[in-house]
Protein backbone atom coordinates (compact mmCIF):
# COMPACT_ATOMS: atom_id res chain seq x y z
CA MET A 1 113.33 129.97 88.79
CA PRO A 2 111.87 126.56 89.69
CA LEU A 3 114.12 123.55 90.10
CA THR A 4 114.61 121.65 86.84
CA LEU A 5 114.33 117.90 86.44
CA SER A 6 118.03 117.72 85.59
CA GLU A 7 118.86 119.51 88.85
CA PHE A 8 116.53 117.25 90.81
CA ASN A 9 118.02 114.14 89.27
CA ALA A 10 121.50 115.36 90.19
CA VAL A 11 120.44 115.42 93.85
CA VAL A 12 118.97 111.92 93.52
CA GLU A 13 122.24 110.77 91.98
CA ASP A 14 124.23 112.35 94.81
CA LEU A 15 122.13 110.60 97.47
CA TRP A 16 121.93 107.25 95.67
CA PRO A 17 124.66 107.00 93.01
CA THR A 18 123.61 104.74 90.16
CA GLY A 19 127.23 103.65 89.83
CA SER A 20 126.90 101.76 93.13
CA ALA A 21 123.91 99.71 91.94
CA GLU A 22 124.20 96.01 91.23
CA GLY A 23 125.27 95.16 87.67
CA TRP A 24 121.88 93.62 86.83
CA ASP A 25 119.96 96.65 88.09
CA ALA A 26 118.48 99.52 86.05
CA PRO A 27 117.96 102.56 88.30
CA GLY A 28 118.05 106.19 87.29
CA MET A 29 115.86 108.49 85.23
CA LEU A 30 113.66 106.47 82.91
CA SER A 31 111.59 109.27 81.38
CA GLY A 32 111.30 113.03 81.54
CA ALA A 33 112.64 116.23 79.99
CA GLY A 34 115.60 117.78 81.77
CA ASP A 35 114.27 121.36 81.50
CA ASP A 36 110.85 120.54 83.01
CA PRO A 37 110.17 122.18 86.40
CA VAL A 38 109.96 120.09 89.58
CA ARG A 39 107.62 121.37 92.29
CA ARG A 40 105.98 118.19 93.61
CA VAL A 41 107.33 114.63 93.86
CA LEU A 42 105.42 111.45 94.72
CA LEU A 43 107.44 108.59 96.23
CA ALA A 44 106.31 104.96 95.93
CA VAL A 45 107.82 101.50 95.97
CA ASP A 46 106.38 100.49 92.59
CA ALA A 47 105.43 102.16 89.33
CA VAL A 48 102.07 100.48 88.79
CA ALA A 49 98.74 101.73 87.46
CA ALA A 50 97.57 102.88 90.91
CA THR A 51 100.69 104.93 91.73
CA VAL A 52 100.94 106.38 88.22
CA ASP A 53 97.28 107.47 88.45
CA GLU A 54 98.00 108.91 91.89
CA ALA A 55 100.99 110.87 90.58
CA VAL A 56 99.03 112.26 87.64
CA ALA A 57 96.01 113.15 89.81
CA ALA A 58 98.30 114.91 92.31
CA ASP A 59 99.89 116.92 89.49
CA ALA A 60 103.28 115.52 90.49
CA ASP A 61 106.26 116.43 88.34
CA VAL A 62 108.19 113.29 89.31
CA LEU A 63 107.25 109.78 90.37
CA LEU A 64 110.24 108.50 92.32
CA VAL A 65 110.05 104.73 92.84
CA HIS A 66 112.22 102.04 94.36
CA HIS A 67 111.64 99.35 91.73
CA PRO A 68 112.67 100.19 88.14
CA LEU A 69 109.80 99.76 85.70
CA LEU A 70 112.07 98.44 82.94
CA LEU A 71 114.26 96.23 85.11
CA ARG A 72 113.84 93.34 82.70
CA GLY A 73 114.33 93.78 78.98
CA VAL A 74 111.40 94.87 76.85
CA THR A 75 111.08 95.05 73.09
CA SER A 76 108.11 97.41 72.93
CA VAL A 77 106.55 100.25 74.89
CA ALA A 78 103.35 100.18 72.86
CA GLU A 79 100.30 101.06 74.92
CA SER A 80 98.87 97.61 74.32
CA GLY A 81 101.18 96.51 77.14
CA TYR A 82 100.96 97.82 80.68
CA LYS A 83 104.51 99.21 80.81
CA GLY A 84 103.98 101.22 77.64
CA ARG A 85 100.62 102.41 78.96
CA LEU A 86 102.17 103.58 82.22
CA LEU A 87 105.03 105.39 80.50
CA ALA A 88 102.67 107.05 78.02
CA GLY A 89 100.43 108.27 80.84
CA LEU A 90 103.37 109.76 82.70
CA ILE A 91 104.85 111.37 79.60
CA ARG A 92 101.49 112.93 78.62
CA ALA A 93 101.20 114.37 82.13
CA ARG A 94 104.83 115.57 81.99
CA CYS A 95 105.58 113.52 85.08
CA ALA A 96 109.09 112.08 85.03
CA LEU A 97 109.89 108.59 86.29
CA ILE A 98 113.04 107.97 88.35
CA ALA A 99 114.06 104.81 90.22
CA ALA A 100 116.51 104.31 93.11
CA HIS A 101 116.84 100.56 93.69
CA THR A 102 119.93 98.66 94.85
CA ASN A 103 121.77 101.98 94.89
CA ALA A 104 119.30 102.99 97.65
CA ASP A 105 119.59 99.63 99.42
CA ILE A 106 123.27 99.88 100.28
CA VAL A 107 123.57 103.44 101.62
CA GLU A 108 123.82 104.25 105.33
CA GLU A 109 120.10 105.05 105.51
CA GLY A 110 119.02 102.49 102.94
CA THR A 111 116.10 100.05 103.01
CA SER A 112 117.68 97.54 105.41
CA ALA A 113 119.22 100.21 107.64
CA VAL A 114 115.79 101.78 108.13
CA ILE A 115 114.33 98.51 109.43
CA ALA A 116 117.36 97.95 111.66
CA ALA A 117 116.94 101.43 113.15
CA ARG A 118 113.21 100.96 113.72
CA LEU A 119 113.92 97.69 115.53
CA GLY A 120 116.50 99.47 117.67
CA LEU A 121 119.39 97.23 116.62
CA GLN A 122 122.66 98.15 118.25
CA ASP A 123 126.04 98.11 116.51
CA ALA A 124 124.28 97.44 113.20
CA ARG A 125 126.59 96.73 110.28
CA PRO A 126 126.13 95.49 106.71
CA ILE A 127 125.86 91.75 106.11
CA GLU A 128 128.01 92.26 103.03
CA PRO A 129 130.01 95.53 103.32
CA GLY A 130 130.21 97.95 100.43
CA ASP A 131 133.12 100.04 99.20
CA ARG A 132 132.52 102.82 101.72
CA ASP A 133 132.20 102.58 105.51
CA GLY A 134 128.63 102.04 106.64
CA THR A 135 127.41 100.93 103.23
CA GLY A 136 126.54 97.46 102.01
CA ILE A 137 123.78 94.90 101.62
CA GLY A 138 121.55 94.03 104.58
CA ARG A 139 122.20 94.72 108.24
CA VAL A 140 123.04 92.66 111.33
CA GLY A 141 123.00 93.86 114.92
CA ARG A 142 121.90 93.19 118.50
CA LEU A 143 118.55 93.91 120.09
CA PRO A 144 118.68 96.06 123.25
CA GLU A 145 117.51 92.98 125.17
CA PRO A 146 116.55 89.44 124.17
CA ILE A 147 113.01 88.83 122.97
CA ALA A 148 111.03 85.72 122.06
CA LEU A 149 110.90 84.99 118.33
CA GLY A 150 107.12 85.24 118.34
CA ARG A 151 107.21 88.59 120.10
CA LEU A 152 109.70 89.88 117.53
CA ALA A 153 107.38 88.79 114.74
CA LEU A 154 104.49 90.60 116.45
CA ALA A 155 106.66 93.71 116.75
CA LEU A 156 107.35 93.56 113.02
CA GLY A 157 103.62 93.30 112.45
CA GLU A 158 103.21 96.61 114.28
CA LEU A 159 106.14 98.21 112.47
CA LEU A 160 105.36 97.23 108.87
CA PRO A 161 102.23 98.19 106.91
CA ALA A 162 99.66 95.41 106.81
CA THR A 163 99.48 93.05 103.82
CA ALA A 164 97.34 90.03 102.96
CA GLY A 165 100.28 87.65 103.27
CA GLY A 166 101.17 88.81 106.76
CA ILE A 167 104.35 87.54 108.39
CA ARG A 168 105.60 83.95 108.20
CA VAL A 169 107.94 82.51 110.82
CA SER A 170 110.08 79.39 110.92
CA GLY A 171 111.23 78.59 114.45
CA ASP A 172 109.97 78.13 118.00
CA TYR A 173 107.71 80.94 119.24
CA ASP A 174 109.55 81.20 122.58
CA GLN A 175 113.06 80.93 121.10
CA PRO A 176 115.15 83.79 122.54
CA ILE A 177 116.46 86.26 119.96
CA SER A 178 119.37 88.62 120.57
CA THR A 179 121.19 88.96 117.22
CA VAL A 180 119.15 89.92 114.16
CA ALA A 181 120.20 89.80 110.51
CA LEU A 182 117.88 91.36 107.97
CA CYS A 183 117.62 92.34 104.34
CA GLY A 184 114.83 94.47 102.93
CA GLY A 185 113.37 92.95 99.77
CA ALA A 186 114.32 89.54 98.40
CA GLY A 187 117.24 88.24 100.46
CA ASP A 188 117.53 84.48 100.12
CA SER A 189 120.87 84.96 98.34
CA LEU A 190 122.31 85.88 101.75
CA LEU A 191 121.14 82.74 103.59
CA SER A 192 124.62 81.22 103.51
CA SER A 193 126.42 84.39 104.61
CA PRO A 194 128.44 83.91 107.83
CA ALA A 195 126.75 86.97 109.34
CA VAL A 196 123.32 85.46 108.67
CA ARG A 197 124.32 81.98 109.82
CA GLY A 198 125.66 83.50 113.06
CA ALA A 199 122.47 85.42 113.85
CA ASP A 200 119.55 84.17 115.93
CA VAL A 201 117.04 85.17 113.24
CA TYR A 202 117.08 86.33 109.64
CA ILE A 203 114.34 88.71 108.47
CA THR A 204 113.79 89.13 104.73
CA SER A 205 111.22 88.68 101.95
CA ASP A 206 110.32 86.28 99.15
CA LEU A 207 111.86 83.21 100.78
CA ARG A 208 111.37 80.27 98.43
CA HIS A 209 110.63 76.76 99.66
CA HIS A 210 113.92 75.03 98.95
CA PRO A 211 116.34 77.72 100.19
CA ALA A 212 114.23 78.24 103.32
CA SER A 213 113.91 74.51 103.98
CA GLU A 214 117.62 73.89 103.52
CA SER A 215 118.50 76.82 105.78
CA ARG A 216 116.24 75.59 108.58
CA GLU A 217 117.45 71.99 108.29
CA GLN A 218 121.03 73.19 108.52
CA SER A 219 120.11 75.32 111.53
CA LEU A 220 118.52 72.36 113.27
CA ALA A 221 121.55 70.20 112.53
CA GLY A 222 124.35 72.61 113.37
CA GLY A 223 122.95 75.91 114.54
CA GLY A 224 121.71 78.87 112.56
CA PRO A 225 118.93 81.42 112.36
CA ALA A 226 115.20 81.18 112.65
CA LEU A 227 113.50 82.80 109.66
CA ILE A 228 110.94 85.58 109.37
CA ASP A 229 109.48 86.23 105.94
CA VAL A 230 107.71 89.56 105.41
CA SER A 231 106.11 91.30 102.44
CA HIS A 232 108.65 92.57 99.91
CA TRP A 233 106.68 95.77 99.40
CA ALA A 234 106.20 96.38 103.13
CA SER A 235 109.88 95.86 103.92
CA GLU A 236 110.87 98.59 101.47
CA TRP A 237 107.98 101.01 102.01
CA LEU A 238 109.49 102.23 105.29
CA TRP A 239 112.43 103.69 103.34
CA LEU A 240 110.21 106.15 101.48
CA ASP A 241 109.81 108.46 104.49
CA ILE A 242 113.58 108.58 104.95
CA ALA A 243 114.10 109.28 101.25
CA ALA A 244 111.50 112.06 101.33
CA ARG A 245 113.18 113.62 104.37
CA GLN A 246 116.64 113.49 102.78
CA LEU A 247 115.36 115.09 99.59
CA ALA A 248 113.40 117.77 101.46
CA GLU A 249 116.54 118.74 103.38
CA ARG A 250 118.34 119.29 100.08
CA LEU A 251 115.40 120.84 98.24
CA PRO A 252 113.20 122.82 100.65
CA GLY A 253 111.26 124.42 97.82
CA VAL A 254 109.89 121.09 96.56
CA GLU A 255 106.89 119.22 98.01
CA PHE A 256 107.47 115.52 98.71
CA VAL A 257 104.55 113.14 99.22
CA VAL A 258 104.83 109.47 100.17
CA SER A 259 102.21 107.24 98.60
CA GLU A 260 100.06 105.36 101.11
CA LEU A 261 98.78 102.96 98.44
CA ARG A 262 99.51 99.29 99.02
CA THR A 263 101.22 97.87 95.94
CA ASP A 264 101.88 94.45 97.45
CA PRO A 265 100.54 92.13 94.69
CA TRP A 266 98.46 89.88 96.99
CA ASP A 267 94.87 90.76 97.85
CA PHE A 268 93.73 88.01 100.21
CA VAL A 269 94.85 84.75 101.77
CA ILE A 270 92.93 81.63 102.82
CA THR A 271 94.22 79.81 105.88
CA GLN A 272 93.68 76.08 106.27
């Protein structure tokens, strides 16, 4: 008997419990019939037209994404809107939609932990610890040996998938970096955290002008981190391989495919 969607979702829930998600979040199973079989799963950061089309074309039974499609309230799923159109396409193809968002951020091998591991950070720990040891938001740790800020940014450029926006840096290129704080996805809410303020650099995404400017001015006045701003999508895409591996270990009879499609929203940039 093939694995059912209900059984698959139970494994997802065990790996990334929805009860540990932030209160504003909306992870979990958004659509699908519990008795449907699950033989192939496509993993992606976003449920957008390109990844939905990819899932349907691949005859996937589940599209497992990081970002919930209905994170913000909607009053209609009519196909005149893109969210309704995406859901209708998935439902017609009998492809379920499941999201693991902040509940996948905080686990021991979550989005931030993956980046920390790829950078080789030592003694990495959460910026804001969770209820269980090893869990929590973000990570902070030490590099094996100091590196110039510019060289660290270049290393991130090799590590992360390429995007039009590239990598932005606030700080001196030759500034030595030993302690790194980071948060996959949007992390400007952590700029005032003692762990971030005590690091040599803070790596995150979606840094807005005023929070970034205030953080750098404070750093110049009294010490604090340089800033590296990377693509939100790219910072979380690395987690998909880990998620696919964890699921495959639990469910060896299911095929797991990681989408290579870039769903970063920016297509090109003009430098001045």
